[in-house]
Amino acid sequence: MIHRLPFRVGRGGYARQIRSFYRASYILFYASGHLAAWLAGSYRSAARRSDRLGLLVVPLQLTLLMAWFPARVVSLGSFAVCCSLAPRVT
């Protein structure tokens, strides 16, 4: 069974909508991936300062981890959308 996306068909509208949806998901993938990498760097930076800050590092790292997880989920989800739409764009 072939599943179709609910897009308008006719006069190239389907291809144009697929292309724009692909571009939007790629931009979302790029932005959320950049945010996830920045948060991961901050997490590692907080770990390196554990000798100065002591136990204060643990709540800081938990906060960064809680912010990193949704960014990573969005990044992986938008990457999956990009991968599924890539054959239809070309």
N, C-alpha and C. Protein backbone atom coordinates (compact mmCIF):
# COMPACT_ATOMS: atom_id res chain seq x y z
N MET A 1 0.84 -1.17 0.00
CA MET A 1 0.00 0.00 0.00
C MET A 1 0.89 1.24 0.00
N ILE A 2 0.62 2.16 -0.86
CA ILE A 2 1.40 3.39 -0.96
C ILE A 2 0.69 4.48 -0.17
N HIS A 3 1.46 5.09 0.72
CA HIS A 3 0.92 6.20 1.51
C HIS A 3 1.29 7.51 0.82
N ARG A 4 0.36 8.39 0.70
CA ARG A 4 0.61 9.67 0.05
C ARG A 4 0.50 10.78 1.08
N LEU A 5 1.32 11.78 0.89
CA LEU A 5 1.24 12.95 1.76
C LEU A 5 0.06 13.80 1.34
N PRO A 6 -0.61 14.45 2.27
CA PRO A 6 -1.80 15.24 1.94
C PRO A 6 -1.45 16.60 1.35
N PHE A 7 -0.90 16.59 0.15
CA PHE A 7 -0.56 17.83 -0.54
C PHE A 7 -1.42 17.99 -1.77
N ARG A 8 -1.55 19.22 -2.21
CA ARG A 8 -2.32 19.53 -3.41
C ARG A 8 -1.54 19.07 -4.64
N VAL A 9 -2.24 18.46 -5.57
CA VAL A 9 -1.62 17.97 -6.80
C VAL A 9 -2.14 18.79 -7.96
N GLY A 10 -1.26 19.11 -8.89
CA GLY A 10 -1.68 19.85 -10.08
C GLY A 10 -0.78 21.01 -10.38
N ARG A 11 -0.36 21.12 -11.63
CA ARG A 11 0.49 22.21 -12.11
C ARG A 11 1.78 22.37 -11.31
N GLY A 12 2.38 21.27 -10.94
CA GLY A 12 3.64 21.32 -10.21
C GLY A 12 3.50 21.72 -8.75
N GLY A 13 2.28 21.83 -8.26
CA GLY A 13 2.08 22.23 -6.87
C GLY A 13 2.59 21.20 -5.89
N TYR A 14 2.44 19.92 -6.24
CA TYR A 14 2.89 18.84 -5.37
C TYR A 14 4.40 18.90 -5.19
N ALA A 15 5.13 19.02 -6.29
CA ALA A 15 6.59 19.07 -6.22
C ALA A 15 7.07 20.32 -5.48
N ARG A 16 6.42 21.42 -5.70
CA ARG A 16 6.79 22.67 -5.03
C ARG A 16 6.57 22.57 -3.52
N GLN A 17 5.46 21.97 -3.13
CA GLN A 17 5.18 21.83 -1.71
C GLN A 17 6.14 20.85 -1.05
N ILE A 18 6.46 19.77 -1.73
CA ILE A 18 7.43 18.81 -1.20
C ILE A 18 8.79 19.50 -1.02
N ARG A 19 9.19 20.27 -2.03
CA ARG A 19 10.47 20.95 -1.98
C ARG A 19 10.52 21.96 -0.82
N SER A 20 9.45 22.71 -0.62
CA SER A 20 9.44 23.69 0.46
C SER A 20 9.38 23.00 1.83
N PHE A 21 8.66 21.89 1.92
CA PHE A 21 8.62 21.13 3.17
C PHE A 21 10.00 20.54 3.48
N TYR A 22 10.69 20.08 2.45
CA TYR A 22 12.04 19.56 2.62
C TYR A 22 12.99 20.66 3.10
N ARG A 23 12.90 21.84 2.51
CA ARG A 23 13.76 22.95 2.91
C ARG A 23 13.50 23.37 4.36
N ALA A 24 12.23 23.41 4.73
CA ALA A 24 11.89 23.78 6.11
C ALA A 24 12.42 22.75 7.10
N SER A 25 12.30 21.47 6.77
CA SER A 25 12.81 20.45 7.69
C SER A 25 14.33 20.47 7.75
N TYR A 26 14.98 20.81 6.64
CA TYR A 26 16.44 20.91 6.64
C TYR A 26 16.90 22.07 7.51
N ILE A 27 16.23 23.19 7.42
CA ILE A 27 16.58 24.35 8.24
C ILE A 27 16.37 24.03 9.72
N LEU A 28 15.26 23.36 10.04
CA LEU A 28 15.01 22.95 11.41
C LEU A 28 16.06 21.97 11.90
N PHE A 29 16.48 21.04 11.03
CA PHE A 29 17.53 20.09 11.39
C PHE A 29 18.84 20.81 11.66
N TYR A 30 19.19 21.75 10.83
CA TYR A 30 20.44 22.49 10.99
C TYR A 30 20.43 23.31 12.28
N ALA A 31 19.35 24.03 12.52
CA ALA A 31 19.27 24.89 13.70
C ALA A 31 19.24 24.08 14.99
N SER A 32 18.45 23.02 15.03
CA SER A 32 18.37 22.22 16.26
C SER A 32 19.65 21.43 16.48
N GLY A 33 20.31 20.99 15.42
CA GLY A 33 21.59 20.31 15.57
C GLY A 33 22.66 21.25 16.10
N HIS A 34 22.65 22.49 15.63
CA HIS A 34 23.59 23.48 16.12
C HIS A 34 23.34 23.76 17.61
N LEU A 35 22.09 23.89 17.99
CA LEU A 35 21.74 24.12 19.39
C LEU A 35 22.15 22.92 20.26
N ALA A 36 21.90 21.70 19.78
CA ALA A 36 22.27 20.51 20.55
C ALA A 36 23.78 20.42 20.72
N ALA A 37 24.54 20.77 19.70
CA ALA A 37 26.00 20.74 19.80
C ALA A 37 26.49 21.80 20.78
N TRP A 38 25.88 22.97 20.76
CA TRP A 38 26.26 24.03 21.68
C TRP A 38 25.97 23.62 23.13
N LEU A 39 24.81 23.01 23.36
CA LEU A 39 24.47 22.55 24.72
C LEU A 39 25.39 21.43 25.18
N ALA A 40 25.77 20.54 24.27
CA ALA A 40 26.70 19.47 24.64
C ALA A 40 28.06 20.05 25.00
N GLY A 41 28.50 21.07 24.29
CA GLY A 41 29.75 21.74 24.63
C GLY A 41 29.68 22.41 26.00
N SER A 42 28.56 23.01 26.30
CA SER A 42 28.39 23.64 27.61
C SER A 42 28.38 22.59 28.72
N TYR A 43 27.80 21.44 28.44
CA TYR A 43 27.78 20.33 29.40
C TYR A 43 29.21 19.89 29.71
N ARG A 44 30.02 19.72 28.68
CA ARG A 44 31.41 19.31 28.89
C ARG A 44 32.21 20.41 29.58
N SER A 45 31.92 21.65 29.26
CA SER A 45 32.60 22.76 29.90
C SER A 45 32.28 22.81 31.40
N ALA A 46 31.05 22.54 31.76
CA ALA A 46 30.68 22.50 33.18
C ALA A 46 31.38 21.35 33.89
N ALA A 47 31.55 20.24 33.20
CA ALA A 47 32.24 19.10 33.82
C ALA A 47 33.70 19.42 34.08
N ARG A 48 34.33 20.19 33.19
CA ARG A 48 35.74 20.55 33.38
C ARG A 48 35.93 21.49 34.57
N ARG A 49 34.91 22.22 34.93
CA ARG A 49 35.01 23.18 36.05
C ARG A 49 34.57 22.58 37.38
N SER A 50 34.46 21.27 37.44
CA SER A 50 33.98 20.64 38.67
C SER A 50 34.97 20.82 39.82
N ASP A 51 36.25 20.98 39.52
CA ASP A 51 37.21 21.18 40.60
C ASP A 51 37.02 22.54 41.29
N ARG A 52 36.56 23.54 40.55
CA ARG A 52 36.33 24.86 41.14
C ARG A 52 34.95 25.00 41.78
N LEU A 53 33.94 24.45 41.11
CA LEU A 53 32.56 24.67 41.57
C LEU A 53 32.03 23.59 42.50
N GLY A 54 32.68 22.46 42.55
CA GLY A 54 32.27 21.40 43.47
C GLY A 54 30.94 20.78 43.07
N LEU A 55 30.05 20.64 44.04
CA LEU A 55 28.77 19.98 43.79
C LEU A 55 27.77 20.85 43.04
N LEU A 56 28.07 22.10 42.85
CA LEU A 56 27.19 22.98 42.08
C LEU A 56 27.12 22.55 40.61
N VAL A 57 28.11 21.80 40.17
CA VAL A 57 28.17 21.35 38.78
C VAL A 57 27.03 20.38 38.47
N VAL A 58 26.63 19.57 39.42
CA VAL A 58 25.60 18.56 39.17
C VAL A 58 24.27 19.19 38.76
N PRO A 59 23.72 20.17 39.51
CA PRO A 59 22.48 20.79 39.04
C PRO A 59 22.64 21.53 37.71
N LEU A 60 23.82 22.11 37.48
CA LEU A 60 24.06 22.79 36.20
C LEU A 60 24.03 21.78 35.06
N GLN A 61 24.67 20.64 35.26
CA GLN A 61 24.69 19.63 34.21
C GLN A 61 23.31 19.02 33.98
N LEU A 62 22.54 18.82 35.03
CA LEU A 62 21.19 18.28 34.86
C LEU A 62 20.31 19.25 34.07
N THR A 63 20.46 20.54 34.34
CA THR A 63 19.70 21.54 33.59
C THR A 63 20.09 21.53 32.12
N LEU A 64 21.39 21.45 31.85
CA LEU A 64 21.85 21.40 30.46
C LEU A 64 21.38 20.13 29.77
N LEU A 65 21.39 19.02 30.49
CA LEU A 65 20.93 17.76 29.91
C LEU A 65 19.44 17.80 29.59
N MET A 66 18.66 18.42 30.46
CA MET A 66 17.23 18.54 30.21
C MET A 66 16.94 19.47 29.03
N ALA A 67 17.80 20.42 28.77
CA ALA A 67 17.63 21.28 27.61
C ALA A 67 18.17 20.62 26.34
N TRP A 68 19.19 19.78 26.48
CA TRP A 68 19.80 19.12 25.32
C TRP A 68 18.89 18.04 24.75
N PHE A 69 18.22 17.30 25.61
CA PHE A 69 17.41 16.17 25.13
C PHE A 69 16.33 16.58 24.14
N PRO A 70 15.47 17.57 24.42
CA PRO A 70 14.47 17.96 23.40
C PRO A 70 15.09 18.49 22.12
N ALA A 71 16.20 19.21 22.24
CA ALA A 71 16.86 19.73 21.03
C ALA A 71 17.36 18.57 20.18
N ARG A 72 17.87 17.54 20.81
CA ARG A 72 18.37 16.37 20.08
C ARG A 72 17.23 15.59 19.44
N VAL A 73 16.12 15.47 20.13
CA VAL A 73 14.95 14.77 19.58
C VAL A 73 14.42 15.50 18.35
N VAL A 74 14.33 16.81 18.42
CA VAL A 74 13.87 17.60 17.28
C VAL A 74 14.86 17.46 16.12
N SER A 75 16.14 17.47 16.43
CA SER A 75 17.15 17.34 15.40
C SER A 75 17.05 15.99 14.68
N LEU A 76 16.91 14.92 15.44
CA LEU A 76 16.79 13.59 14.82
C LEU A 76 15.49 13.43 14.05
N GLY A 77 14.40 13.99 14.58
CA GLY A 77 13.12 13.91 13.87
C GLY A 77 13.14 14.66 12.55
N SER A 78 13.71 15.83 12.55
CA SER A 78 13.77 16.59 11.29
C SER A 78 14.75 15.96 10.31
N PHE A 79 15.79 15.29 10.82
CA PHE A 79 16.70 14.56 9.93
C PHE A 79 15.98 13.39 9.27
N ALA A 80 15.11 12.72 10.02
CA ALA A 80 14.34 11.62 9.44
C ALA A 80 13.40 12.12 8.34
N VAL A 81 12.80 13.28 8.56
CA VAL A 81 11.93 13.87 7.54
C VAL A 81 12.73 14.23 6.30
N CYS A 82 13.92 14.80 6.50
CA CYS A 82 14.79 15.14 5.36
C CYS A 82 15.15 13.90 4.57
N CYS A 83 15.49 12.83 5.27
CA CYS A 83 15.88 11.59 4.58
C CYS A 83 14.71 10.99 3.82
N SER A 84 13.52 11.09 4.35
CA SER A 84 12.37 10.51 3.66
C SER A 84 11.92 11.35 2.47
N LEU A 85 12.14 12.65 2.52
CA LEU A 85 11.72 13.52 1.42
C LEU A 85 12.80 13.71 0.35
N ALA A 86 14.04 13.38 0.66
CA ALA A 86 15.14 13.62 -0.28
C ALA A 86 14.93 12.92 -1.62
N PRO A 87 14.49 11.66 -1.68
CA PRO A 87 14.28 11.05 -3.00
C PRO A 87 13.17 11.71 -3.82
N ARG A 88 12.22 12.35 -3.17
CA ARG A 88 11.12 12.98 -3.89
C ARG A 88 11.50 14.35 -4.41
N VAL A 89 12.53 14.97 -3.85
CA VAL A 89 12.92 16.31 -4.26
C VAL A 89 13.74 16.25 -5.54
N THR A 90 14.58 15.22 -5.67
CA THR A 90 15.47 15.14 -6.83
C THR A 90 14.74 14.74 -8.08
